[in-house]
């Protein structure tokens, strides 16, 4: 597998998980690669909606996009896939076709233009830093609203090399309807 092009696999794994389970996976929270819970979703973490992509739960590779595997808890997590899911679409209960948003997630390009709409915001975002292991995009809360998070996406430039994948509610619901999981 071309590690730099994992995003279609990640998107399909998240959508497949939703079809099977009626919800998106919770983020992983364990950072120690020696733990059996490393790479596994953690729904017991309470209100945590951002953590690490639960690669083991999704049946994906543990390598980051740059081919690096963390082998010790002290290893940097800069290149590891981060994962944020809207609180209304994860957890123990399946969601419904009418589920509203619990968080305000958005994706913007380098110029600050919205790539996602306010009414159909992303329900899940997966991102990682680029090969420089430094977050160049937004990928953060702006501090004005604890439920508002903005993420940066776009082509690589000299100052931006982060990778980002998102799933919008229309795509998620269409897959669930086709699978017969939603009316």
C-alpha atoms as a PDB file:
ATOM      1  CA  UNK A   1       0.000   0.000   0.000  1.00  0.00           C
ATOM      2  CA  UNK A   2       1.222   3.486  -0.856  1.00  0.00           C
ATOM      3  CA  UNK A   3       1.340   5.003   2.632  1.00  0.00           C
ATOM      4  CA  UNK A   4       0.872   8.559   1.414  1.00  0.00           C
ATOM      5  CA  UNK A   5      -2.434   7.547  -0.156  1.00  0.00           C
ATOM      6  CA  UNK A   6      -4.027   5.811   2.841  1.00  0.00           C
ATOM      7  CA  UNK A   7      -6.886   8.303   2.972  1.00  0.00           C
ATOM      8  CA  UNK A   8      -9.278   6.313   0.706  1.00  0.00           C
ATOM      9  CA  UNK A   9      -8.677   3.245   2.889  1.00  0.00           C
ATOM     10  CA  UNK A  10      -9.294   5.265   6.043  1.00  0.00           C
ATOM     11  CA  UNK A  11     -12.501   6.765   4.644  1.00  0.00           C
ATOM     12  CA  UNK A  12     -13.780   3.347   3.514  1.00  0.00           C
ATOM     13  CA  UNK A  13     -12.856   1.721   6.831  1.00  0.00           C
ATOM     14  CA  UNK A  14     -14.762   4.403   8.773  1.00  0.00           C
ATOM     15  CA  UNK A  15     -17.799   4.072   6.491  1.00  0.00           C
ATOM     16  CA  UNK A  16     -17.668   0.270   6.725  1.00  0.00           C
ATOM     17  CA  UNK A  17     -17.493   0.460  10.515  1.00  0.00           C
ATOM     18  CA  UNK A  18     -20.553   2.747  10.510  1.00  0.00           C
ATOM     19  CA  UNK A  19     -22.515   0.347   8.293  1.00  0.00           C
ATOM     20  CA  UNK A  20     -21.690  -2.590  10.555  1.00  0.00           C
ATOM     21  CA  UNK A  21     -22.138  -0.822  13.902  1.00  0.00           C
ATOM     22  CA  UNK A  22     -24.600   2.002  13.205  1.00  0.00           C
ATOM     23  CA  UNK A  23     -22.125   4.577  14.529  1.00  0.00           C
ATOM     24  CA  UNK A  24     -18.636   5.863  13.917  1.00  0.00           C
ATOM     25  CA  UNK A  25     -15.829   4.557  16.112  1.00  0.00           C
ATOM     26  CA  UNK A  26     -14.677   6.453  19.155  1.00  0.00           C
ATOM     27  CA  UNK A  27     -11.106   7.806  19.013  1.00  0.00           C
ATOM     28  CA  UNK A  28      -8.265   5.825  20.480  1.00  0.00           C
ATOM     29  CA  UNK A  29      -6.728   7.385  23.568  1.00  0.00           C
ATOM     30  CA  UNK A  30      -3.875   5.024  24.500  1.00  0.00           C
ATOM     31  CA  UNK A  31      -0.423   6.258  23.448  1.00  0.00           C
ATOM     32  CA  UNK A  32       1.695   3.348  24.689  1.00  0.00           C
ATOM     33  CA  UNK A  33       2.426   0.937  21.793  1.00  0.00           C
ATOM     34  CA  UNK A  34       3.069  -1.862  24.337  1.00  0.00           C
ATOM     35  CA  UNK A  35      -0.562  -1.711  25.513  1.00  0.00           C
ATOM     36  CA  UNK A  36      -3.100  -4.124  24.040  1.00  0.00           C
ATOM     37  CA  UNK A  37      -5.474  -1.133  23.823  1.00  0.00           C
ATOM     38  CA  UNK A  38      -3.128   0.823  21.551  1.00  0.00           C
ATOM     39  CA  UNK A  39      -4.954   1.469  18.270  1.00  0.00           C
ATOM     40  CA  UNK A  40      -8.329   0.438  19.730  1.00  0.00           C
ATOM     41  CA  UNK A  41     -11.330   2.750  20.036  1.00  0.00           C
ATOM     42  CA  UNK A  42     -12.038   3.997  23.546  1.00  0.00           C
ATOM     43  CA  UNK A  43     -15.716   4.819  24.102  1.00  0.00           C
ATOM     44  CA  UNK A  44     -15.220   4.801  27.872  1.00  0.00           C
ATOM     45  CA  UNK A  45     -13.170   8.001  27.687  1.00  0.00           C
ATOM     46  CA  UNK A  46     -16.279  10.096  28.332  1.00  0.00           C
ATOM     47  CA  UNK A  47     -16.728  13.232  26.287  1.00  0.00           C
ATOM     48  CA  UNK A  48     -13.455  12.762  24.393  1.00  0.00           C
ATOM     49  CA  UNK A  49     -14.212  13.314  20.747  1.00  0.00           C
ATOM     50  CA  UNK A  50     -10.652  13.775  19.507  1.00  0.00           C
ATOM     51  CA  UNK A  51      -7.811  11.350  19.885  1.00  0.00           C
ATOM     52  CA  UNK A  52      -6.046   8.940  17.590  1.00  0.00           C
ATOM     53  CA  UNK A  53      -7.445   6.986  14.660  1.00  0.00           C
ATOM     54  CA  UNK A  54      -8.393   3.563  16.078  1.00  0.00           C
ATOM     55  CA  UNK A  55      -6.432   1.766  13.360  1.00  0.00           C
ATOM     56  CA  UNK A  56      -6.593  -1.639  15.024  1.00  0.00           C
ATOM     57  CA  UNK A  57     -10.384  -1.416  15.439  1.00  0.00           C
ATOM     58  CA  UNK A  58     -10.659  -0.493  11.746  1.00  0.00           C
ATOM     59  CA  UNK A  59      -8.238  -3.168  10.509  1.00  0.00           C
ATOM     60  CA  UNK A  60      -5.755  -0.625   9.143  1.00  0.00           C
ATOM     61  CA  UNK A  61      -1.962  -0.471   9.324  1.00  0.00           C
ATOM     62  CA  UNK A  62      -0.341   1.028  12.389  1.00  0.00           C
ATOM     63  CA  UNK A  63       2.194   2.884  10.292  1.00  0.00           C
ATOM     64  CA  UNK A  64       1.843   6.609   9.963  1.00  0.00           C
ATOM     65  CA  UNK A  65       1.678   8.052   6.418  1.00  0.00           C
ATOM     66  CA  UNK A  66       5.468   8.361   6.385  1.00  0.00           C
ATOM     67  CA  UNK A  67       6.029   4.662   7.110  1.00  0.00           C
ATOM     68  CA  UNK A  68       6.971   5.121  10.763  1.00  0.00           C
ATOM     69  CA  UNK A  69       5.772   2.783  13.523  1.00  0.00           C
ATOM     70  CA  UNK A  70       5.789   3.979  17.128  1.00  0.00           C
ATOM     71  CA  UNK A  71       7.552   1.389  19.275  1.00  0.00           C
ATOM     72  CA  UNK A  72       7.719   3.140  22.656  1.00  0.00           C
ATOM     73  CA  UNK A  73       5.414   5.439  24.588  1.00  0.00           C
ATOM     74  CA  UNK A  74       8.050   8.186  24.419  1.00  0.00           C
ATOM     75  CA  UNK A  75       8.141   8.132  20.598  1.00  0.00           C
ATOM     76  CA  UNK A  76       6.740  11.299  18.982  1.00  0.00           C
ATOM     77  CA  UNK A  77       3.101  11.247  17.900  1.00  0.00           C
ATOM     78  CA  UNK A  78       3.507  14.058  15.354  1.00  0.00           C
ATOM     79  CA  UNK A  79       2.869  11.913  12.285  1.00  0.00           C
ATOM     80  CA  UNK A  80       0.212   9.680  13.812  1.00  0.00           C
ATOM     81  CA  UNK A  81      -3.287   9.995  12.338  1.00  0.00           C
ATOM     82  CA  UNK A  82      -5.456  12.121  14.657  1.00  0.00           C
ATOM     83  CA  UNK A  83      -9.203  11.528  14.622  1.00  0.00           C
ATOM     84  CA  UNK A  84     -12.117  13.743  15.597  1.00  0.00           C
ATOM     85  CA  UNK A  85     -15.710  12.600  15.426  1.00  0.00           C
ATOM     86  CA  UNK A  86     -18.859  14.600  16.104  1.00  0.00           C
ATOM     87  CA  UNK A  87     -20.158  13.487  19.501  1.00  0.00           C
ATOM     88  CA  UNK A  88     -23.624  12.717  18.052  1.00  0.00           C
ATOM     89  CA  UNK A  89     -22.198  10.137  15.639  1.00  0.00           C
ATOM     90  CA  UNK A  90     -20.015   8.030  17.944  1.00  0.00           C
ATOM     91  CA  UNK A  91     -20.523   6.046  21.090  1.00  0.00           C
ATOM     92  CA  UNK A  92     -22.485   3.017  22.134  1.00  0.00           C
ATOM     93  CA  UNK A  93     -25.804   3.970  20.507  1.00  0.00           C
ATOM     94  CA  UNK A  94     -26.525   3.877  16.774  1.00  0.00           C
ATOM     95  CA  UNK A  95     -27.409   7.231  15.295  1.00  0.00           C
ATOM     96  CA  UNK A  96     -30.589   8.066  13.402  1.00  0.00           C
ATOM     97  CA  UNK A  97     -31.179   9.717  10.041  1.00  0.00           C
ATOM     98  CA  UNK A  98     -32.253  12.897  11.848  1.00  0.00           C
ATOM     99  CA  UNK A  99     -29.179  13.113  14.102  1.00  0.00           C
ATOM    100  CA  UNK A 100     -28.149  16.728  14.594  1.00  0.00           C
ATOM    101  CA  UNK A 101     -24.593  17.922  14.999  1.00  0.00           C
ATOM    102  CA  UNK A 102     -23.076  18.008  18.471  1.00  0.00           C
ATOM    103  CA  UNK A 103     -19.935  19.836  17.392  1.00  0.00           C
ATOM    104  CA  UNK A 104     -19.152  22.538  14.889  1.00  0.00           C
ATOM    105  CA  UNK A 105     -16.481  21.050  12.636  1.00  0.00           C
ATOM    106  CA  UNK A 106     -15.354  22.748   9.455  1.00  0.00           C
ATOM    107  CA  UNK A 107     -12.663  22.357   6.829  1.00  0.00           C
ATOM    108  CA  UNK A 108     -10.998  25.352   5.166  1.00  0.00           C
ATOM    109  CA  UNK A 109      -8.413  25.698   2.426  1.00  0.00           C
ATOM    110  CA  UNK A 110      -5.092  27.595   2.671  1.00  0.00           C
ATOM    111  CA  UNK A 111      -6.807  30.904   1.962  1.00  0.00           C
ATOM    112  CA  UNK A 112      -9.377  30.390   4.711  1.00  0.00           C
ATOM    113  CA  UNK A 113     -12.249  29.542   2.355  1.00  0.00           C
ATOM    114  CA  UNK A 114     -14.711  26.976   3.679  1.00  0.00           C
ATOM    115  CA  UNK A 115     -14.621  23.608   1.951  1.00  0.00           C
ATOM    116  CA  UNK A 116     -17.536  22.337   4.034  1.00  0.00           C
ATOM    117  CA  UNK A 117     -20.884  24.017   4.623  1.00  0.00           C
ATOM    118  CA  UNK A 118     -22.365  25.082   7.924  1.00  0.00           C
ATOM    119  CA  UNK A 119     -25.474  22.930   7.443  1.00  0.00           C
ATOM    120  CA  UNK A 120     -23.642  19.811   6.302  1.00  0.00           C
ATOM    121  CA  UNK A 121     -20.498  19.919   8.394  1.00  0.00           C
ATOM    122  CA  UNK A 122     -18.185  16.928   8.654  1.00  0.00           C
ATOM    123  CA  UNK A 123     -19.139  14.170  11.084  1.00  0.00           C
ATOM    124  CA  UNK A 124     -15.579  12.817  11.183  1.00  0.00           C
ATOM    125  CA  UNK A 125     -12.158  14.291  10.445  1.00  0.00           C
ATOM    126  CA  UNK A 126      -8.852  12.434  10.240  1.00  0.00           C
ATOM    127  CA  UNK A 127      -5.634  14.424   9.972  1.00  0.00           C
ATOM    128  CA  UNK A 128      -1.904  14.185  10.378  1.00  0.00           C
ATOM    129  CA  UNK A 129       1.042  16.497  10.103  1.00  0.00           C
ATOM    130  CA  UNK A 130       3.175  16.289   7.018  1.00  0.00           C
ATOM    131  CA  UNK A 131       6.673  14.934   6.733  1.00  0.00           C
ATOM    132  CA  UNK A 132       7.933  17.920   8.745  1.00  0.00           C
ATOM    133  CA  UNK A 133       5.896  16.552  11.710  1.00  0.00           C
ATOM    134  CA  UNK A 134       4.644  20.079  12.419  1.00  0.00           C
ATOM    135  CA  UNK A 135       0.968  21.045  12.230  1.00  0.00           C
ATOM    136  CA  UNK A 136       0.839  23.629   9.428  1.00  0.00           C
ATOM    137  CA  UNK A 137      -2.936  23.797   9.045  1.00  0.00           C
ATOM    138  CA  UNK A 138      -5.625  25.012  11.359  1.00  0.00           C
ATOM    139  CA  UNK A 139      -6.455  21.659  12.970  1.00  0.00           C
ATOM    140  CA  UNK A 140      -7.487  23.247  16.241  1.00  0.00           C
ATOM    141  CA  UNK A 141     -10.079  24.995  18.310  1.00  0.00           C
ATOM    142  CA  UNK A 142      -9.941  28.758  17.849  1.00  0.00           C
ATOM    143  CA  UNK A 143     -10.618  29.356  21.549  1.00  0.00           C
ATOM    144  CA  UNK A 144     -13.910  31.216  21.109  1.00  0.00           C
ATOM    145  CA  UNK A 145     -16.264  28.215  21.341  1.00  0.00           C
ATOM    146  CA  UNK A 146     -15.323  24.887  22.989  1.00  0.00           C
ATOM    147  CA  UNK A 147     -17.382  22.965  20.391  1.00  0.00           C
ATOM    148  CA  UNK A 148     -15.964  24.718  17.310  1.00  0.00           C
ATOM    149  CA  UNK A 149     -12.995  23.197  15.495  1.00  0.00           C
ATOM    150  CA  UNK A 150     -11.504  24.287  12.190  1.00  0.00           C
ATOM    151  CA  UNK A 151      -9.234  22.066  10.094  1.00  0.00           C
ATOM    152  CA  UNK A 152      -7.015  22.887   7.132  1.00  0.00           C
ATOM    153  CA  UNK A 153      -6.913  20.922   3.885  1.00  0.00           C
ATOM    154  CA  UNK A 154      -5.398  21.408   0.480  1.00  0.00           C
ATOM    155  CA  UNK A 155      -2.521  20.751  -1.826  1.00  0.00           C
ATOM    156  CA  UNK A 156       1.003  20.709  -0.462  1.00  0.00           C
ATOM    157  CA  UNK A 157       2.898  23.974  -0.586  1.00  0.00           C
ATOM    158  CA  UNK A 158       6.209  25.142   0.840  1.00  0.00           C
ATOM    159  CA  UNK A 159       4.430  26.049   4.082  1.00  0.00           C
ATOM    160  CA  UNK A 160       1.640  23.430   4.234  1.00  0.00           C
ATOM    161  CA  UNK A 161       2.043  19.657   4.129  1.00  0.00           C
ATOM    162  CA  UNK A 162      -0.614  18.313   6.518  1.00  0.00           C
ATOM    163  CA  UNK A 163      -2.982  15.579   5.296  1.00  0.00           C
ATOM    164  CA  UNK A 164      -6.702  15.607   6.030  1.00  0.00           C
ATOM    165  CA  UNK A 165      -9.662  13.328   5.264  1.00  0.00           C
ATOM    166  CA  UNK A 166     -13.247  14.055   6.242  1.00  0.00           C
ATOM    167  CA  UNK A 167     -16.629  12.385   6.014  1.00  0.00           C
ATOM    168  CA  UNK A 168     -19.712  14.512   5.593  1.00  0.00           C
ATOM    169  CA  UNK A 169     -23.175  13.575   6.783  1.00  0.00           C
ATOM    170  CA  UNK A 170     -24.581  13.117   3.225  1.00  0.00           C
ATOM    171  CA  UNK A 171     -21.921  10.525   2.341  1.00  0.00           C
ATOM    172  CA  UNK A 172     -22.333   8.706   5.646  1.00  0.00           C
ATOM    173  CA  UNK A 173     -26.123   8.609   5.399  1.00  0.00           C
ATOM    174  CA  UNK A 174     -26.110   7.508   1.755  1.00  0.00           C
ATOM    175  CA  UNK A 175     -23.865   4.547   2.622  1.00  0.00           C
ATOM    176  CA  UNK A 176     -26.096   3.666   5.568  1.00  0.00           C
ATOM    177  CA  UNK A 177     -29.254   3.843   3.415  1.00  0.00           C
ATOM    178  CA  UNK A 178     -27.723   1.718   0.642  1.00  0.00           C
ATOM    179  CA  UNK A 179     -26.708  -0.877   3.258  1.00  0.00           C
ATOM    180  CA  UNK A 180     -30.271  -0.946   4.599  1.00  0.00           C
ATOM    181  CA  UNK A 181     -29.221   0.434   8.001  1.00  0.00           C
ATOM    182  CA  UNK A 182     -31.281   3.638   7.696  1.00  0.00           C
ATOM    183  CA  UNK A 183     -34.710   4.107   6.112  1.00  0.00           C
END
